[in-house]
């Protein structure tokens, strides 16, 4: 199992998404077989679900790393866009609010890290 995880982490984003699609397709086929006739190995469904979870976890980790790497200005524009979505009151408010809190946390840490450097530069002048 650890070798699978290493293989998945070594894949590019495109390869990872293709593997995820293939695994989801395989899980669908397994479920279909389970409903129509007997499966030879029922544990395959559980294995496929866990593999999907591993792939999605790696994808989400990569997304969060990309968000952390964004400059504060881009984070601020994303926060503004998400705030507008939240105020619109459309479906999916819970997800929007979760994303908004996460981005605000990233933005706060980046601006807090930038402030001491800016005050040090003012004091040096």
N, C-alpha and C. Protein backbone atom coordinates (compact mmCIF):
# COMPACT_ATOMS: atom_id res chain seq x y z
N UNK A 1 0.81 -1.21 0.00
CA UNK A 1 0.00 0.00 0.00
C UNK A 1 0.85 1.27 0.00
N UNK A 2 1.92 1.36 0.80
CA UNK A 2 2.70 2.59 0.75
C UNK A 2 3.30 2.86 -0.62
N UNK A 3 3.56 1.80 -1.40
CA UNK A 3 4.11 2.05 -2.73
C UNK A 3 3.06 2.73 -3.61
N UNK A 4 1.78 2.37 -3.43
CA UNK A 4 0.73 3.05 -4.20
C UNK A 4 0.71 4.53 -3.89
N UNK A 5 0.81 4.85 -2.61
CA UNK A 5 0.77 6.24 -2.20
C UNK A 5 1.95 7.01 -2.79
N UNK A 6 3.12 6.40 -2.80
CA UNK A 6 4.29 7.05 -3.40
C UNK A 6 4.08 7.23 -4.89
N UNK A 7 3.50 6.23 -5.54
CA UNK A 7 3.23 6.34 -6.97
C UNK A 7 2.25 7.47 -7.25
N UNK A 8 1.20 7.56 -6.45
CA UNK A 8 0.20 8.61 -6.64
C UNK A 8 0.82 9.99 -6.43
N UNK A 9 1.65 10.13 -5.44
CA UNK A 9 2.27 11.44 -5.18
C UNK A 9 3.25 11.82 -6.29
N UNK A 10 3.80 10.83 -6.97
CA UNK A 10 4.73 11.11 -8.06
C UNK A 10 4.04 11.48 -9.36
N UNK A 11 2.73 11.27 -9.43
CA UNK A 11 1.98 11.56 -10.65
C UNK A 11 1.73 13.06 -10.81
N UNK A 12 1.53 13.46 -12.04
CA UNK A 12 1.14 14.85 -12.30
C UNK A 12 -0.35 15.00 -12.00
N UNK A 13 -0.83 16.23 -12.02
CA UNK A 13 -2.25 16.49 -11.73
C UNK A 13 -3.15 15.82 -12.76
N UNK A 14 -2.75 15.84 -14.03
CA UNK A 14 -3.56 15.24 -15.09
C UNK A 14 -3.62 13.73 -14.93
N UNK A 15 -2.47 13.12 -14.65
CA UNK A 15 -2.44 11.67 -14.46
C UNK A 15 -3.28 11.27 -13.26
N UNK A 16 -3.22 12.08 -12.21
CA UNK A 16 -3.98 11.79 -11.00
C UNK A 16 -5.48 11.86 -11.28
N UNK A 17 -5.91 12.86 -12.04
CA UNK A 17 -7.34 12.98 -12.34
C UNK A 17 -7.80 11.84 -13.25
N UNK A 18 -6.95 11.42 -14.19
CA UNK A 18 -7.31 10.28 -15.05
C UNK A 18 -7.42 8.99 -14.23
N UNK A 19 -6.50 8.79 -13.30
CA UNK A 19 -6.55 7.62 -12.44
C UNK A 19 -7.80 7.63 -11.59
N UNK A 20 -8.17 8.82 -11.11
CA UNK A 20 -9.38 8.95 -10.31
C UNK A 20 -10.62 8.61 -11.13
N UNK A 21 -10.69 9.08 -12.37
CA UNK A 21 -11.82 8.76 -13.24
C UNK A 21 -11.90 7.26 -13.51
N UNK A 22 -10.75 6.65 -13.77
CA UNK A 22 -10.74 5.21 -14.02
C UNK A 22 -11.19 4.42 -12.80
N UNK A 23 -10.75 4.85 -11.64
CA UNK A 23 -11.12 4.15 -10.40
C UNK A 23 -12.60 4.31 -10.11
N UNK A 24 -13.13 5.52 -10.36
CA UNK A 24 -14.57 5.74 -10.16
C UNK A 24 -15.38 4.89 -11.14
N UNK A 25 -14.91 4.78 -12.37
CA UNK A 25 -15.58 3.94 -13.37
C UNK A 25 -15.55 2.47 -12.94
N UNK A 26 -14.42 2.04 -12.42
CA UNK A 26 -14.28 0.67 -11.93
C UNK A 26 -15.23 0.41 -10.75
N UNK A 27 -15.34 1.39 -9.85
CA UNK A 27 -16.26 1.26 -8.72
C UNK A 27 -17.71 1.15 -9.20
N UNK A 28 -18.06 1.93 -10.21
CA UNK A 28 -19.41 1.85 -10.77
C UNK A 28 -19.68 0.46 -11.33
N UNK A 29 -18.70 -0.09 -12.05
CA UNK A 29 -18.86 -1.43 -12.60
C UNK A 29 -19.00 -2.47 -11.50
N UNK A 30 -18.23 -2.32 -10.44
CA UNK A 30 -18.33 -3.25 -9.32
C UNK A 30 -19.70 -3.18 -8.66
N UNK A 31 -20.20 -1.97 -8.49
CA UNK A 31 -21.54 -1.81 -7.89
C UNK A 31 -22.61 -2.41 -8.79
N UNK A 32 -22.45 -2.23 -10.07
CA UNK A 32 -23.41 -2.79 -11.02
C UNK A 32 -23.38 -4.31 -10.96
N UNK A 33 -22.19 -4.89 -10.92
CA UNK A 33 -22.07 -6.35 -10.80
C UNK A 33 -22.69 -6.83 -9.49
N UNK A 34 -22.49 -6.07 -8.45
CA UNK A 34 -23.02 -6.46 -7.15
C UNK A 34 -24.55 -6.46 -7.16
N UNK A 35 -25.13 -5.53 -7.89
CA UNK A 35 -26.59 -5.45 -7.94
C UNK A 35 -27.20 -6.51 -8.86
N UNK A 36 -26.52 -6.83 -9.94
CA UNK A 36 -27.10 -7.76 -10.91
C UNK A 36 -26.77 -9.22 -10.61
N UNK A 37 -25.53 -9.49 -10.30
CA UNK A 37 -25.15 -10.86 -9.96
C UNK A 37 -24.10 -10.83 -8.87
N UNK A 38 -23.61 -11.94 -8.53
CA UNK A 38 -22.67 -12.03 -7.41
C UNK A 38 -21.27 -11.57 -7.81
N UNK A 39 -20.64 -10.90 -6.87
CA UNK A 39 -19.24 -10.53 -7.05
C UNK A 39 -18.36 -11.67 -6.56
N UNK A 40 -17.25 -11.88 -7.25
CA UNK A 40 -16.33 -12.91 -6.78
C UNK A 40 -15.62 -12.46 -5.51
N UNK A 41 -15.24 -11.18 -5.48
CA UNK A 41 -14.57 -10.64 -4.29
C UNK A 41 -15.28 -9.36 -3.86
N UNK A 42 -16.17 -9.44 -2.89
CA UNK A 42 -16.90 -8.25 -2.44
C UNK A 42 -16.00 -7.17 -1.83
N UNK A 43 -14.83 -7.55 -1.39
CA UNK A 43 -13.93 -6.56 -0.79
C UNK A 43 -13.38 -5.58 -1.82
N UNK A 44 -13.56 -5.88 -3.10
CA UNK A 44 -13.07 -4.98 -4.15
C UNK A 44 -13.76 -3.61 -4.08
N UNK A 45 -15.03 -3.61 -3.68
CA UNK A 45 -15.75 -2.34 -3.57
C UNK A 45 -15.09 -1.46 -2.52
N UNK A 46 -14.80 -2.03 -1.38
CA UNK A 46 -14.15 -1.28 -0.30
C UNK A 46 -12.77 -0.78 -0.74
N UNK A 47 -12.03 -1.62 -1.42
CA UNK A 47 -10.69 -1.23 -1.89
C UNK A 47 -10.77 -0.07 -2.88
N UNK A 48 -11.75 -0.13 -3.77
CA UNK A 48 -11.91 0.95 -4.76
C UNK A 48 -12.29 2.26 -4.08
N UNK A 49 -13.18 2.18 -3.09
CA UNK A 49 -13.58 3.40 -2.38
C UNK A 49 -12.40 4.02 -1.64
N UNK A 50 -11.58 3.19 -1.04
CA UNK A 50 -10.41 3.70 -0.32
C UNK A 50 -9.39 4.30 -1.28
N UNK A 51 -9.25 3.70 -2.43
CA UNK A 51 -8.32 4.24 -3.43
C UNK A 51 -8.81 5.60 -3.92
N UNK A 52 -10.11 5.74 -4.12
CA UNK A 52 -10.68 7.03 -4.51
C UNK A 52 -10.42 8.07 -3.43
N UNK A 53 -10.59 7.68 -2.18
CA UNK A 53 -10.34 8.61 -1.08
C UNK A 53 -8.88 9.05 -1.05
N UNK A 54 -7.97 8.12 -1.28
CA UNK A 54 -6.54 8.47 -1.32
C UNK A 54 -6.25 9.49 -2.43
N UNK A 55 -6.81 9.22 -3.61
CA UNK A 55 -6.57 10.11 -4.74
C UNK A 55 -7.14 11.50 -4.48
N UNK A 56 -8.34 11.56 -3.93
CA UNK A 56 -8.95 12.86 -3.65
C UNK A 56 -8.20 13.61 -2.56
N UNK A 57 -7.66 12.88 -1.59
CA UNK A 57 -6.88 13.52 -0.54
C UNK A 57 -5.62 14.15 -1.10
N UNK A 58 -4.94 13.45 -1.99
CA UNK A 58 -3.73 13.99 -2.61
C UNK A 58 -4.07 15.21 -3.46
N UNK A 59 -5.17 15.14 -4.21
CA UNK A 59 -5.59 16.28 -5.03
C UNK A 59 -5.89 17.49 -4.15
N UNK A 60 -6.60 17.28 -3.06
CA UNK A 60 -6.97 18.40 -2.18
C UNK A 60 -5.74 19.01 -1.53
N UNK A 61 -4.78 18.18 -1.16
CA UNK A 61 -3.55 18.69 -0.58
C UNK A 61 -2.80 19.58 -1.56
N UNK A 62 -2.80 19.17 -2.82
CA UNK A 62 -2.13 19.98 -3.85
C UNK A 62 -2.86 21.30 -4.07
N UNK A 63 -4.20 21.26 -4.03
CA UNK A 63 -4.97 22.50 -4.17
C UNK A 63 -4.65 23.47 -3.04
N UNK A 64 -4.58 22.96 -1.82
CA UNK A 64 -4.29 23.82 -0.68
C UNK A 64 -2.88 24.41 -0.76
N UNK A 65 -1.93 23.63 -1.24
CA UNK A 65 -0.57 24.14 -1.41
C UNK A 65 -0.54 25.27 -2.44
N UNK A 66 -1.32 25.13 -3.51
CA UNK A 66 -1.38 26.18 -4.52
C UNK A 66 -2.00 27.45 -3.95
N UNK A 67 -3.04 27.28 -3.11
CA UNK A 67 -3.66 28.45 -2.49
C UNK A 67 -2.71 29.15 -1.53
N UNK A 68 -1.94 28.37 -0.80
CA UNK A 68 -0.98 28.97 0.13
C UNK A 68 0.10 29.74 -0.60
N UNK A 69 0.40 29.33 -1.81
CA UNK A 69 1.47 29.98 -2.58
C UNK A 69 1.02 31.27 -3.26
N UNK A 70 -0.28 31.53 -3.29
CA UNK A 70 -0.78 32.74 -3.96
C UNK A 70 -0.37 33.99 -3.19
N UNK A 71 -0.10 35.09 -3.90
CA UNK A 71 0.20 36.35 -3.22
C UNK A 71 -1.05 36.93 -2.56
N UNK A 72 -0.88 37.79 -1.55
CA UNK A 72 -2.03 38.34 -0.83
C UNK A 72 -3.03 39.09 -1.71
N UNK A 73 -2.56 39.70 -2.80
CA UNK A 73 -3.48 40.46 -3.66
C UNK A 73 -4.48 39.51 -4.34
N UNK A 74 -3.98 38.38 -4.83
CA UNK A 74 -4.88 37.42 -5.47
C UNK A 74 -5.82 36.79 -4.46
N UNK A 75 -5.31 36.56 -3.25
CA UNK A 75 -6.18 36.03 -2.20
C UNK A 75 -7.30 37.02 -1.88
N UNK A 76 -6.95 38.32 -1.87
CA UNK A 76 -7.95 39.34 -1.56
C UNK A 76 -9.04 39.38 -2.63
N UNK A 77 -8.67 39.23 -3.90
CA UNK A 77 -9.70 39.23 -4.94
C UNK A 77 -10.59 38.00 -4.84
N UNK A 78 -10.00 36.85 -4.51
CA UNK A 78 -10.81 35.64 -4.33
C UNK A 78 -11.75 35.79 -3.14
N UNK A 79 -11.27 36.41 -2.07
CA UNK A 79 -12.11 36.64 -0.90
C UNK A 79 -13.28 37.54 -1.26
N UNK A 80 -13.02 38.57 -2.05
CA UNK A 80 -14.08 39.49 -2.48
C UNK A 80 -15.13 38.75 -3.31
N UNK A 81 -14.69 37.90 -4.23
CA UNK A 81 -15.61 37.14 -5.08
C UNK A 81 -16.45 36.18 -4.24
N UNK A 82 -15.82 35.51 -3.29
CA UNK A 82 -16.56 34.57 -2.45
C UNK A 82 -17.53 35.30 -1.52
N UNK A 83 -17.15 36.48 -1.05
CA UNK A 83 -18.05 37.27 -0.21
C UNK A 83 -19.31 37.66 -0.99
N UNK A 84 -19.12 38.01 -2.27
CA UNK A 84 -20.27 38.36 -3.11
C UNK A 84 -21.18 37.14 -3.30
N UNK A 85 -20.58 35.97 -3.48
CA UNK A 85 -21.39 34.75 -3.62
C UNK A 85 -22.15 34.46 -2.34
N UNK A 86 -21.50 34.68 -1.21
CA UNK A 86 -22.14 34.42 0.08
C UNK A 86 -23.32 35.35 0.31
N UNK A 87 -23.15 36.60 -0.05
CA UNK A 87 -24.22 37.58 0.13
C UNK A 87 -25.38 37.35 -0.83
N UNK A 88 -25.10 36.72 -1.98
CA UNK A 88 -26.16 36.45 -2.96
C UNK A 88 -27.16 35.44 -2.43
N UNK A 89 -26.73 34.60 -1.50
CA UNK A 89 -27.64 33.62 -0.89
C UNK A 89 -28.03 32.47 -1.80
N UNK A 90 -27.17 32.13 -2.72
CA UNK A 90 -27.45 31.02 -3.63
C UNK A 90 -27.17 29.69 -2.94
N UNK A 91 -27.61 28.59 -3.51
CA UNK A 91 -27.30 27.28 -2.93
C UNK A 91 -25.79 27.06 -2.86
N UNK A 92 -25.36 26.29 -1.89
CA UNK A 92 -23.94 26.03 -1.70
C UNK A 92 -23.29 27.02 -0.76
N UNK A 93 -24.10 27.65 0.10
CA UNK A 93 -23.56 28.66 1.00
C UNK A 93 -22.55 28.08 1.98
N UNK A 94 -22.80 26.86 2.44
CA UNK A 94 -21.92 26.25 3.43
C UNK A 94 -20.51 26.06 2.85
N UNK A 95 -20.45 25.60 1.61
CA UNK A 95 -19.16 25.40 0.96
C UNK A 95 -18.46 26.74 0.73
N UNK A 96 -19.22 27.74 0.31
CA UNK A 96 -18.65 29.07 0.06
C UNK A 96 -18.10 29.64 1.36
N UNK A 97 -18.83 29.49 2.45
CA UNK A 97 -18.37 30.04 3.73
C UNK A 97 -17.12 29.31 4.22
N UNK A 98 -17.05 28.00 3.99
CA UNK A 98 -15.87 27.24 4.39
C UNK A 98 -14.65 27.71 3.59
N UNK A 99 -14.83 27.88 2.28
CA UNK A 99 -13.73 28.35 1.44
C UNK A 99 -13.32 29.77 1.85
N UNK A 100 -14.31 30.59 2.16
CA UNK A 100 -14.05 31.97 2.55
C UNK A 100 -13.22 32.02 3.83
N UNK A 101 -13.59 31.21 4.83
CA UNK A 101 -12.82 31.18 6.08
C UNK A 101 -11.39 30.73 5.84
N UNK A 102 -11.22 29.72 5.02
CA UNK A 102 -9.88 29.20 4.74
C UNK A 102 -9.03 30.26 4.05
N UNK A 103 -9.59 30.94 3.04
CA UNK A 103 -8.84 31.97 2.33
C UNK A 103 -8.53 33.15 3.23
N UNK A 104 -9.45 33.51 4.11
CA UNK A 104 -9.20 34.61 5.04
C UNK A 104 -8.06 34.25 5.99
N UNK A 105 -7.99 32.99 6.39
CA UNK A 105 -6.89 32.56 7.25
C UNK A 105 -5.55 32.65 6.52
N UNK A 106 -5.51 32.19 5.26
CA UNK A 106 -4.29 32.29 4.47
C UNK A 106 -3.89 33.75 4.29
N UNK A 107 -4.88 34.59 4.00
CA UNK A 107 -4.61 36.01 3.77
C UNK A 107 -4.09 36.67 5.05
N UNK A 108 -4.68 36.32 6.19
CA UNK A 108 -4.25 36.91 7.46
C UNK A 108 -2.81 36.53 7.78
N UNK A 109 -2.44 35.29 7.54
CA UNK A 109 -1.06 34.89 7.83
C UNK A 109 -0.07 35.56 6.89
N UNK A 110 -0.46 35.73 5.63
CA UNK A 110 0.45 36.38 4.68
C UNK A 110 0.61 37.86 4.99
N UNK A 111 -0.48 38.54 5.32
CA UNK A 111 -0.38 39.97 5.62
C UNK A 111 0.32 40.18 6.96
N UNK A 112 0.13 39.28 7.92
CA UNK A 112 0.82 39.41 9.21
C UNK A 112 2.32 39.19 9.02
N UNK A 113 2.69 38.31 8.13
CA UNK A 113 4.11 38.06 7.87
C UNK A 113 4.73 39.23 7.11
N UNK A 114 3.93 39.92 6.30
CA UNK A 114 4.44 41.04 5.51
C UNK A 114 4.55 42.31 6.36
N UNK A 115 3.72 42.46 7.38
CA UNK A 115 3.73 43.68 8.20
C UNK A 115 5.04 43.89 8.96
N UNK A 116 5.57 42.90 9.67
CA UNK A 116 6.83 43.15 10.37
C UNK A 116 7.96 43.53 9.42
N UNK A 117 7.98 42.97 8.25
CA UNK A 117 9.00 43.32 7.27
C UNK A 117 8.82 44.77 6.82
N UNK A 118 7.57 45.20 6.65
CA UNK A 118 7.30 46.57 6.22
C UNK A 118 7.66 47.56 7.32
N UNK A 119 7.37 47.24 8.58
CA UNK A 119 7.71 48.14 9.67
C UNK A 119 9.22 48.19 9.89
N UNK A 120 9.92 47.12 9.64
CA UNK A 120 11.37 47.10 9.74
C UNK A 120 11.99 47.99 8.67
N UNK A 121 11.40 48.01 7.48
CA UNK A 121 11.90 48.84 6.40
C UNK A 121 11.66 50.31 6.72
N UNK A 122 10.51 50.64 7.35
CA UNK A 122 10.25 52.03 7.72
C UNK A 122 11.23 52.51 8.77
N UNK A 123 11.54 51.63 9.72
CA UNK A 123 12.47 52.00 10.77
C UNK A 123 13.89 52.18 10.25
N UNK A 124 14.23 51.50 9.19
CA UNK A 124 15.57 51.60 8.62
C UNK A 124 15.76 52.89 7.85
N UNK A 125 14.68 53.50 7.39
CA UNK A 125 14.78 54.74 6.60
C UNK A 125 15.04 55.86 7.47
